Amino acid sequence: MINFDGHCYSNFNDVPQGLLSRLTQLPVHTQHLLSFKGKISLLEAQYFSIMAALRRSRVDIPMHYSLTYFQEQAVALQKYTQDSSDFQGISIKFYRKEKPSLDTIITPICFVLQFENVPWNTVETKNLTLYKDHYIGAAAYSNLFQTNAALRNLSQVFAYENGYGAALLLNHHKRLADSSNGAVFLVNKENIQTPALPEGAQNTVIRKYLIDFIAKESKLEIVEDEIPTFSVQQAHEIFLVSEEYGWTQIEQFRKKKFDSAVSEPLRLKFTDQLVNQL
């Protein structure tokens, strides 16, 4: 089930051929969202994040792309699919309708919206490995989803091939930047650490919202910092968070096994916050 530029279809075979031709290029931007019973969580923040990314992509943003418009499109697709799940993931991909040229530099765009399964109500526990074949650039452009999407996919394949559930990614300084399954959080005795945006971390809405939540609700200090790789084995707990994969609890990295005494209560309180803010 897909919503293609405001029209719902059962599958891509039902989409008119003229529309499908717009998908021959890579998307200019992909945004993963989380919804609860059809309502997009953190809608305002997600909307401004989308608009900022589209402006940086140098495209012609339609005037009807409003905050309420994307909520209406999600509701329309939910009614079409008749999905009664509580938590749902949503991916929305934006494509150019034509290739840029000297005559049309800033091109119009369209979107494809789909629901995805996100295990938010249940915690997935995984073993972790380190991906060192390629490095993420420590720069502002690395914060966009699209920049390192292929690299995150490669790291995930690497993890699966070697019997792991997720992989950590490093920047070219060989410090912790991101993971195949979202933003990385290390729980220590004094604080909770996460890679800072200048380190190359993906700037997702849920990452920012969780950082703000920890600062207000947790007894531990939240620190955005440069994190060397040896800090991973020194941590007491590790978890990964994204709208695409939900909350991933790390059970083991190399020979070090991790607890979840702080992470699990934090996850439950954070989940309640996501639902209550709707």
C-alpha atoms as a PDB file:
ATOM      1  CA  MET A   1       0.000   0.000   0.000  1.00  0.00           C
ATOM      2  CA  ILE A   2       1.436   3.358  -1.036  1.00  0.00           C
ATOM      3  CA  ASN A   3       0.444   6.989  -1.209  1.00  0.00           C
ATOM      4  CA  PHE A   4       1.950   8.404  -4.404  1.00  0.00           C
ATOM      5  CA  ASP A   5       1.753  12.190  -4.460  1.00  0.00           C
ATOM      6  CA  GLY A   6      -1.628  12.283  -2.705  1.00  0.00           C
ATOM      7  CA  HIS A   7      -3.240   9.224  -4.347  1.00  0.00           C
ATOM      8  CA  CYS A   8      -3.394   5.797  -2.683  1.00  0.00           C
ATOM      9  CA  TYR A   9      -2.601   2.574  -4.551  1.00  0.00           C
ATOM     10  CA  SER A  10      -2.488  -1.091  -3.551  1.00  0.00           C
ATOM     11  CA  ASN A  11       0.985  -1.525  -5.053  1.00  0.00           C
ATOM     12  CA  PHE A  12       3.345   0.031  -7.589  1.00  0.00           C
ATOM     13  CA  ASN A  13       1.773  -2.008 -10.407  1.00  0.00           C
ATOM     14  CA  ASP A  14      -1.367   0.127 -10.034  1.00  0.00           C
ATOM     15  CA  VAL A  15       0.536   3.416 -10.371  1.00  0.00           C
ATOM     16  CA  PRO A  16       0.235   4.975 -13.860  1.00  0.00           C
ATOM     17  CA  GLN A  17       3.349   4.437 -15.971  1.00  0.00           C
ATOM     18  CA  GLY A  18       3.858   8.181 -16.401  1.00  0.00           C
ATOM     19  CA  LEU A  19       4.165   8.616 -12.652  1.00  0.00           C
ATOM     20  CA  LEU A  20       6.463   5.637 -12.169  1.00  0.00           C
ATOM     21  CA  SER A  21       8.968   7.159 -14.584  1.00  0.00           C
ATOM     22  CA  ARG A  22       9.701   9.785 -11.927  1.00  0.00           C
ATOM     23  CA  LEU A  23      11.264   7.117  -9.699  1.00  0.00           C
ATOM     24  CA  THR A  24      14.173   6.352 -12.014  1.00  0.00           C
ATOM     25  CA  GLN A  25      16.483   8.565  -9.938  1.00  0.00           C
ATOM     26  CA  LEU A  26      17.514   8.307  -6.314  1.00  0.00           C
ATOM     27  CA  PRO A  27      15.230  10.206  -3.900  1.00  0.00           C
ATOM     28  CA  VAL A  28      16.448  13.704  -3.064  1.00  0.00           C
ATOM     29  CA  HIS A  29      15.362  13.163   0.534  1.00  0.00           C
ATOM     30  CA  THR A  30      13.960  10.363   2.707  1.00  0.00           C
ATOM     31  CA  GLN A  31      12.298  10.961   6.058  1.00  0.00           C
ATOM     32  CA  HIS A  32      11.303   8.235   8.501  1.00  0.00           C
ATOM     33  CA  LEU A  33       8.425   9.064  10.840  1.00  0.00           C
ATOM     34  CA  LEU A  34       6.683   7.346  13.720  1.00  0.00           C
ATOM     35  CA  SER A  35       2.895   7.363  14.045  1.00  0.00           C
ATOM     36  CA  PHE A  36       0.482   6.241  16.748  1.00  0.00           C
ATOM     37  CA  LYS A  37      -2.931   5.159  15.485  1.00  0.00           C
ATOM     38  CA  GLY A  38      -2.457   7.216  12.333  1.00  0.00           C
ATOM     39  CA  LYS A  39      -1.252  10.399  14.051  1.00  0.00           C
ATOM     40  CA  ILE A  40       2.333  11.376  13.241  1.00  0.00           C
ATOM     41  CA  SER A  41       4.420  11.703  16.368  1.00  0.00           C
ATOM     42  CA  LEU A  42       6.386  14.946  16.763  1.00  0.00           C
ATOM     43  CA  LEU A  43       4.598  16.216  13.664  1.00  0.00           C
ATOM     44  CA  GLU A  44       5.711  19.844  13.811  1.00  0.00           C
ATOM     45  CA  ALA A  45       9.370  18.955  14.325  1.00  0.00           C
ATOM     46  CA  GLN A  46       9.216  16.351  11.547  1.00  0.00           C
ATOM     47  CA  TYR A  47       7.623  18.845   9.173  1.00  0.00           C
ATOM     48  CA  PHE A  48      10.268  21.516   9.714  1.00  0.00           C
ATOM     49  CA  SER A  49      12.982  18.868   9.367  1.00  0.00           C
ATOM     50  CA  ILE A  50      11.535  17.833   5.985  1.00  0.00           C
ATOM     51  CA  MET A  51      11.271  21.412   4.769  1.00  0.00           C
ATOM     52  CA  ALA A  52      14.840  22.207   5.814  1.00  0.00           C
ATOM     53  CA  ALA A  53      16.172  19.129   4.003  1.00  0.00           C
ATOM     54  CA  LEU A  54      14.204  19.918   0.829  1.00  0.00           C
ATOM     55  CA  ARG A  55      15.476  23.496   0.789  1.00  0.00           C
ATOM     56  CA  ARG A  56      19.043  22.228   1.069  1.00  0.00           C
ATOM     57  CA  SER A  57      18.317  19.865  -1.842  1.00  0.00           C
ATOM     58  CA  ARG A  58      17.524  22.808  -4.173  1.00  0.00           C
ATOM     59  CA  VAL A  59      14.059  21.718  -5.288  1.00  0.00           C
ATOM     60  CA  ASP A  60      10.775  23.522  -5.933  1.00  0.00           C
ATOM     61  CA  ILE A  61       8.659  22.857  -2.837  1.00  0.00           C
ATOM     62  CA  PRO A  62       4.888  22.868  -3.613  1.00  0.00           C
ATOM     63  CA  MET A  63       2.855  25.467  -1.716  1.00  0.00           C
ATOM     64  CA  HIS A  64       0.390  22.816  -0.498  1.00  0.00           C
ATOM     65  CA  TYR A  65       3.144  20.972   1.422  1.00  0.00           C
ATOM     66  CA  SER A  66       1.835  22.089   4.794  1.00  0.00           C
ATOM     67  CA  LEU A  67       2.060  20.483   8.212  1.00  0.00           C
ATOM     68  CA  THR A  68      -1.563  19.343   8.100  1.00  0.00           C
ATOM     69  CA  TYR A  69      -1.187  18.077   4.518  1.00  0.00           C
ATOM     70  CA  PHE A  70       1.302  15.357   5.475  1.00  0.00           C
ATOM     71  CA  GLN A  71      -0.839  14.330   8.446  1.00  0.00           C
ATOM     72  CA  GLU A  72      -3.846  14.056   6.117  1.00  0.00           C
ATOM     73  CA  GLN A  73      -1.848  11.904   3.691  1.00  0.00           C
ATOM     74  CA  ALA A  74      -0.834   9.520   6.488  1.00  0.00           C
ATOM     75  CA  VAL A  75      -4.457   9.231   7.652  1.00  0.00           C
ATOM     76  CA  ALA A  76      -5.629   8.643   4.081  1.00  0.00           C
ATOM     77  CA  LEU A  77      -3.164   5.787   3.635  1.00  0.00           C
ATOM     78  CA  GLN A  78      -4.083   4.269   7.002  1.00  0.00           C
ATOM     79  CA  LYS A  79      -7.779   4.247   6.037  1.00  0.00           C
ATOM     80  CA  TYR A  80      -6.864   2.730   2.696  1.00  0.00           C
ATOM     81  CA  THR A  81      -4.786  -0.042   4.289  1.00  0.00           C
ATOM     82  CA  GLN A  82      -7.229  -0.509   7.205  1.00  0.00           C
ATOM     83  CA  ASP A  83      -4.262  -1.037   9.505  1.00  0.00           C
ATOM     84  CA  SER A  84      -5.271  -0.943  13.179  1.00  0.00           C
ATOM     85  CA  SER A  85      -1.742  -1.190  14.644  1.00  0.00           C
ATOM     86  CA  ASP A  86      -0.872   1.218  17.457  1.00  0.00           C
ATOM     87  CA  PHE A  87       2.674   2.151  16.433  1.00  0.00           C
ATOM     88  CA  GLN A  88       3.548   2.355  12.758  1.00  0.00           C
ATOM     89  CA  GLY A  89       6.594   3.534  10.906  1.00  0.00           C
ATOM     90  CA  ILE A  90       6.202   5.827   7.913  1.00  0.00           C
ATOM     91  CA  SER A  91       8.741   6.434   5.193  1.00  0.00           C
ATOM     92  CA  ILE A  92       8.270   9.396   2.882  1.00  0.00           C
ATOM     93  CA  LYS A  93      10.591   9.742  -0.102  1.00  0.00           C
ATOM     94  CA  PHE A  94      10.790  12.804  -2.328  1.00  0.00           C
ATOM     95  CA  TYR A  95      11.756  12.536  -6.010  1.00  0.00           C
ATOM     96  CA  ARG A  96      12.455  15.068  -8.732  1.00  0.00           C
ATOM     97  CA  LYS A  97       9.818  15.079 -11.464  1.00  0.00           C
ATOM     98  CA  GLU A  98      12.517  15.866 -14.014  1.00  0.00           C
ATOM     99  CA  LYS A  99      16.277  16.124 -14.181  1.00  0.00           C
ATOM    100  CA  PRO A 100      17.809  19.570 -13.520  1.00  0.00           C
ATOM    101  CA  SER A 101      18.911  21.442 -16.627  1.00  0.00           C
ATOM    102  CA  LEU A 102      20.107  24.921 -17.571  1.00  0.00           C
ATOM    103  CA  ASP A 103      16.495  25.828 -18.345  1.00  0.00           C
ATOM    104  CA  THR A 104      15.007  24.211 -15.206  1.00  0.00           C
ATOM    105  CA  ILE A 105      17.580  24.202 -12.421  1.00  0.00           C
ATOM    106  CA  ILE A 106      15.180  24.092  -9.470  1.00  0.00           C
ATOM    107  CA  THR A 107      12.912  21.167 -10.377  1.00  0.00           C
ATOM    108  CA  PRO A 108       9.448  20.226  -9.034  1.00  0.00           C
ATOM    109  CA  ILE A 109       9.103  17.163  -6.813  1.00  0.00           C
ATOM    110  CA  CYS A 110       6.682  14.395  -5.865  1.00  0.00           C
ATOM    111  CA  PHE A 111       6.576  11.969  -2.928  1.00  0.00           C
ATOM    112  CA  VAL A 112       5.904   8.331  -2.086  1.00  0.00           C
ATOM    113  CA  LEU A 113       4.567   7.547   1.402  1.00  0.00           C
ATOM    114  CA  GLN A 114       4.518   4.014   2.810  1.00  0.00           C
ATOM    115  CA  PHE A 115       3.887   2.356   6.163  1.00  0.00           C
ATOM    116  CA  GLU A 116       6.619   0.209   7.722  1.00  0.00           C
ATOM    117  CA  ASN A 117       6.716  -2.226  10.614  1.00  0.00           C
ATOM    118  CA  VAL A 118       8.565  -0.709  13.588  1.00  0.00           C
ATOM    119  CA  PRO A 119       8.970  -2.891  16.719  1.00  0.00           C
ATOM    120  CA  TRP A 120       8.484  -0.015  19.158  1.00  0.00           C
ATOM    121  CA  ASN A 121       6.265  -1.847  21.673  1.00  0.00           C
ATOM    122  CA  THR A 122       8.787  -4.678  21.934  1.00  0.00           C
ATOM    123  CA  VAL A 123      12.532  -4.220  22.421  1.00  0.00           C
ATOM    124  CA  GLU A 124      14.862  -5.908  19.969  1.00  0.00           C
ATOM    125  CA  THR A 125      18.066  -7.065  21.668  1.00  0.00           C
ATOM    126  CA  LYS A 126      21.092  -7.395  19.403  1.00  0.00           C
ATOM    127  CA  ASN A 127      24.811  -8.038  19.472  1.00  0.00           C
ATOM    128  CA  LEU A 128      26.970  -5.241  18.100  1.00  0.00           C
ATOM    129  CA  THR A 129      30.008  -5.065  15.843  1.00  0.00           C
ATOM    130  CA  LEU A 130      32.247  -2.325  14.459  1.00  0.00           C
ATOM    131  CA  TYR A 131      32.178  -1.440  10.765  1.00  0.00           C
ATOM    132  CA  LYS A 132      35.553  -0.108   9.615  1.00  0.00           C
ATOM    133  CA  ASP A 133      35.547  -0.651   5.835  1.00  0.00           C
ATOM    134  CA  HIS A 134      34.402   2.925   5.167  1.00  0.00           C
ATOM    135  CA  TYR A 135      34.086   6.078   7.284  1.00  0.00           C
ATOM    136  CA  ILE A 136      31.449   8.793   7.653  1.00  0.00           C
ATOM    137  CA  GLY A 137      32.599  12.347   6.982  1.00  0.00           C
ATOM    138  CA  ALA A 138      32.540  14.595  10.042  1.00  0.00           C
ATOM    139  CA  ALA A 139      30.688  17.475   8.393  1.00  0.00           C
ATOM    140  CA  ALA A 140      27.274  19.161   8.423  1.00  0.00           C
ATOM    141  CA  TYR A 141      26.164  17.470   5.189  1.00  0.00           C
ATOM    142  CA  SER A 142      26.645  14.082   6.893  1.00  0.00           C
ATOM    143  CA  ASN A 143      23.736  14.936   9.196  1.00  0.00           C
ATOM    144  CA  LEU A 144      21.223  14.452   6.349  1.00  0.00           C
ATOM    145  CA  PHE A 145      19.672  11.001   5.995  1.00  0.00           C
ATOM    146  CA  GLN A 146      20.445  10.669   2.304  1.00  0.00           C
ATOM    147  CA  THR A 147      24.181  11.370   2.585  1.00  0.00           C
ATOM    148  CA  ASN A 148      25.211   8.130   4.291  1.00  0.00           C
ATOM    149  CA  ALA A 149      22.178   5.914   3.602  1.00  0.00           C
ATOM    150  CA  ALA A 150      24.197   3.547   1.389  1.00  0.00           C
ATOM    151  CA  LEU A 151      26.954   3.342   3.995  1.00  0.00           C
ATOM    152  CA  ARG A 152      24.495   2.451   6.762  1.00  0.00           C
ATOM    153  CA  ASN A 153      23.014  -0.257   4.515  1.00  0.00           C
ATOM    154  CA  LEU A 154      26.493  -1.645   3.837  1.00  0.00           C
ATOM    155  CA  SER A 155      27.276  -1.724   7.549  1.00  0.00           C
ATOM    156  CA  GLN A 156      24.042  -3.586   8.213  1.00  0.00           C
ATOM    157  CA  VAL A 157      24.855  -6.201   5.567  1.00  0.00           C
ATOM    158  CA  PHE A 158      28.344  -6.517   7.084  1.00  0.00           C
ATOM    159  CA  ALA A 159      26.789  -7.109  10.515  1.00  0.00           C
ATOM    160  CA  TYR A 160      24.388  -9.770   9.212  1.00  0.00           C
ATOM    161  CA  GLU A 161      27.135 -11.557   7.266  1.00  0.00           C
ATOM    162  CA  ASN A 162      29.162 -11.870  10.456  1.00  0.00           C
ATOM    163  CA  GLY A 163      26.302 -12.953  12.703  1.00  0.00           C
ATOM    164  CA  TYR A 164      25.570  -9.592  14.384  1.00  0.00           C
ATOM    165  CA  GLY A 165      22.354  -7.598  14.641  1.00  0.00           C
ATOM    166  CA  ALA A 166      23.758  -4.075  14.201  1.00  0.00           C
ATOM    167  CA  ALA A 167      26.976  -2.194  13.474  1.00  0.00           C
ATOM    168  CA  LEU A 168      28.630   0.980  14.717  1.00  0.00           C
ATOM    169  CA  LEU A 169      29.993   3.458  12.157  1.00  0.00           C
ATOM    170  CA  LEU A 170      33.046   5.654  12.650  1.00  0.00           C
ATOM    171  CA  ASN A 171      33.968   9.012  11.146  1.00  0.00           C
ATOM    172  CA  HIS A 172      37.299   9.684   9.436  1.00  0.00           C
ATOM    173  CA  HIS A 173      38.761  10.606  12.845  1.00  0.00           C
ATOM    174  CA  LYS A 174      37.948   6.999  13.841  1.00  0.00           C
ATOM    175  CA  ARG A 175      35.508   8.186  16.485  1.00  0.00           C
ATOM    176  CA  LEU A 176      31.951   6.975  16.969  1.00  0.00           C
ATOM    177  CA  ALA A 177      29.471   8.694  14.625  1.00  0.00           C
ATOM    178  CA  ASP A 178      26.360   6.581  14.012  1.00  0.00           C
ATOM    179  CA  SER A 179      25.044   3.038  13.660  1.00  0.00           C
ATOM    180  CA  SER A 180      23.175   0.911  11.163  1.00  0.00           C
ATOM    181  CA  ASN A 181      20.103   1.128  13.420  1.00  0.00           C
ATOM    182  CA  GLY A 182      20.047   4.792  14.411  1.00  0.00           C
ATOM    183  CA  ALA A 183      21.541   7.180  16.940  1.00  0.00           C
ATOM    184  CA  VAL A 184      23.920   5.654  19.501  1.00  0.00           C
ATOM    185  CA  PHE A 185      23.578   6.210  23.257  1.00  0.00           C
ATOM    186  CA  LEU A 186      26.122   4.966  25.818  1.00  0.00           C
ATOM    187  CA  VAL A 187      24.970   4.778  29.432  1.00  0.00           C
ATOM    188  CA  ASN A 188      27.732   5.315  32.024  1.00  0.00           C
ATOM    189  CA  LYS A 189      27.687   5.847  35.781  1.00  0.00           C
ATOM    190  CA  GLU A 190      27.750   9.654  35.530  1.00  0.00           C
ATOM    191  CA  ASN A 191      26.100  10.362  32.174  1.00  0.00           C
ATOM    192  CA  ILE A 192      24.609   9.206  28.885  1.00  0.00           C
ATOM    193  CA  GLN A 193      26.808   9.933  25.877  1.00  0.00           C
ATOM    194  CA  THR A 194      25.860  10.278  22.222  1.00  0.00           C
ATOM    195  CA  PRO A 195      27.984  11.414  19.250  1.00  0.00           C
ATOM    196  CA  ALA A 196      27.643  15.144  18.534  1.00  0.00           C
ATOM    197  CA  LEU A 197      26.306  16.318  15.169  1.00  0.00           C
ATOM    198  CA  PRO A 198      29.739  17.644  14.024  1.00  0.00           C
ATOM    199  CA  GLU A 199      30.974  14.058  14.379  1.00  0.00           C
ATOM    200  CA  GLY A 200      28.708  13.015  11.480  1.00  0.00           C
ATOM    201  CA  ALA A 201      25.664  11.735  13.391  1.00  0.00           C
ATOM    202  CA  GLN A 202      22.376  11.722  11.518  1.00  0.00           C
ATOM    203  CA  ASN A 203      20.226  14.637  12.664  1.00  0.00           C
ATOM    204  CA  THR A 204      16.902  12.877  13.227  1.00  0.00           C
ATOM    205  CA  VAL A 205      13.933  14.349  15.059  1.00  0.00           C
ATOM    206  CA  ILE A 206      13.664  11.442  17.472  1.00  0.00           C
ATOM    207  CA  ARG A 207      17.357  11.772  18.386  1.00  0.00           C
ATOM    208  CA  LYS A 208      16.915  15.426  19.327  1.00  0.00           C
ATOM    209  CA  TYR A 209      13.665  14.765  21.162  1.00  0.00           C
ATOM    210  CA  LEU A 210      15.228  11.912  23.170  1.00  0.00           C
ATOM    211  CA  ILE A 211      18.214  14.086  24.110  1.00  0.00           C
ATOM    212  CA  ASP A 212      15.828  16.783  25.388  1.00  0.00           C
ATOM    213  CA  PHE A 213      13.784  14.137  27.209  1.00  0.00           C
ATOM    214  CA  ILE A 214      16.854  12.689  28.975  1.00  0.00           C
ATOM    215  CA  ALA A 215      17.985  16.178  29.998  1.00  0.00           C
ATOM    216  CA  LYS A 216      14.607  16.796  31.678  1.00  0.00           C
ATOM    217  CA  GLU A 217      13.616  13.373  32.993  1.00  0.00           C
ATOM    218  CA  SER A 218      16.800  11.431  33.756  1.00  0.00           C
ATOM    219  CA  LYS A 219      19.059  11.761  36.772  1.00  0.00           C
ATOM    220  CA  LEU A 220      22.007  11.199  34.450  1.00  0.00           C
ATOM    221  CA  GLU A 221      23.468  14.049  32.414  1.00  0.00           C
ATOM    222  CA  ILE A 222      23.169  13.782  28.637  1.00  0.00           C
ATOM    223  CA  VAL A 223      26.416  14.625  26.822  1.00  0.00           C
ATOM    224  CA  GLU A 224      26.868  15.166  23.077  1.00  0.00           C
ATOM    225  CA  ASP A 225      30.559  14.672  22.542  1.00  0.00           C
ATOM    226  CA  GLU A 226      33.460  13.133  20.654  1.00  0.00           C
ATOM    227  CA  ILE A 227      33.421   9.443  21.571  1.00  0.00           C
ATOM    228  CA  PRO A 228      36.493   7.239  20.975  1.00  0.00           C
ATOM    229  CA  THR A 229      35.876   3.573  20.199  1.00  0.00           C
ATOM    230  CA  PHE A 230      37.256   2.327  23.528  1.00  0.00           C
ATOM    231  CA  SER A 231      34.344   4.101  25.267  1.00  0.00           C
ATOM    232  CA  VAL A 232      31.994   1.477  23.838  1.00  0.00           C
ATOM    233  CA  GLN A 233      33.450  -1.301  25.988  1.00  0.00           C
ATOM    234  CA  GLN A 234      33.583   0.995  29.023  1.00  0.00           C
ATOM    235  CA  ALA A 235      29.833   1.714  28.873  1.00  0.00           C
ATOM    236  CA  HIS A 236      27.377  -0.045  31.203  1.00  0.00           C
ATOM    237  CA  GLU A 237      24.528  -0.009  28.674  1.00  0.00           C
ATOM    238  CA  ILE A 238      24.107   0.791  24.974  1.00  0.00           C
ATOM    239  CA  PHE A 239      20.960   1.431  22.987  1.00  0.00           C
ATOM    240  CA  LEU A 240      20.206   2.625  19.457  1.00  0.00           C
ATOM    241  CA  VAL A 241      17.169   4.719  18.505  1.00  0.00           C
ATOM    242  CA  SER A 242      15.575   5.611  15.169  1.00  0.00           C
ATOM    243  CA  GLU A 243      12.132   6.077  13.627  1.00  0.00           C
ATOM    244  CA  GLU A 244      12.973   3.312  11.160  1.00  0.00           C
ATOM    245  CA  TYR A 245      14.109   0.563  13.571  1.00  0.00           C
ATOM    246  CA  GLY A 246      12.631   1.668  16.873  1.00  0.00           C
ATOM    247  CA  TRP A 247      14.547   1.110  20.118  1.00  0.00           C
ATOM    248  CA  THR A 248      17.371  -1.430  19.843  1.00  0.00           C
ATOM    249  CA  GLN A 249      18.942  -2.647  23.076  1.00  0.00           C
ATOM    250  CA  ILE A 250      22.529  -3.871  22.764  1.00  0.00           C
ATOM    251  CA  GLU A 251      23.288  -7.084  24.627  1.00  0.00           C
ATOM    252  CA  GLN A 252      26.948  -7.602  23.764  1.00  0.00           C
ATOM    253  CA  PHE A 253      29.905  -5.968  21.990  1.00  0.00           C
ATOM    254  CA  ARG A 254      32.928  -8.244  21.599  1.00  0.00           C
ATOM    255  CA  LYS A 255      33.320  -9.872  25.031  1.00  0.00           C
ATOM    256  CA  LYS A 256      31.540  -7.106  26.947  1.00  0.00           C
ATOM    257  CA  LYS A 257      27.922  -7.786  27.961  1.00  0.00           C
ATOM    258  CA  PHE A 258      25.596  -4.911  28.781  1.00  0.00           C
ATOM    259  CA  ASP A 259      22.751  -4.336  31.207  1.00  0.00           C
ATOM    260  CA  SER A 260      19.446  -2.515  30.602  1.00  0.00           C
ATOM    261  CA  ALA A 261      18.604  -1.330  34.131  1.00  0.00           C
ATOM    262  CA  VAL A 262      18.625   2.348  33.091  1.00  0.00           C
ATOM    263  CA  SER A 263      17.633   1.957  29.431  1.00  0.00           C
ATOM    264  CA  GLU A 264      14.406  -0.016  29.856  1.00  0.00           C
ATOM    265  CA  PRO A 265      12.665   2.374  32.320  1.00  0.00           C
ATOM    266  CA  LEU A 266      13.848   5.235  30.117  1.00  0.00           C
ATOM    267  CA  ARG A 267      12.319   3.588  27.040  1.00  0.00           C
ATOM    268  CA  LEU A 268       8.963   3.090  28.760  1.00  0.00           C
ATOM    269  CA  LYS A 269       8.803   6.707  29.963  1.00  0.00           C
ATOM    270  CA  PHE A 270       9.883   7.978  26.549  1.00  0.00           C
ATOM    271  CA  THR A 271       7.223   5.880  24.804  1.00  0.00           C
ATOM    272  CA  ASP A 272       4.542   7.320  27.090  1.00  0.00           C
ATOM    273  CA  GLN A 273       5.819  10.817  26.267  1.00  0.00           C
ATOM    274  CA  LEU A 274       5.581  10.143  22.520  1.00  0.00           C
ATOM    275  CA  VAL A 275       1.959   9.038  22.903  1.00  0.00           C
ATOM    276  CA  ASN A 276       0.930  11.791  25.328  1.00  0.00           C
ATOM    277  CA  GLN A 277       2.231  14.628  23.139  1.00  0.00           C
ATOM    278  CA  LEU A 278      -0.181  13.718  20.302  1.00  0.00           C
END
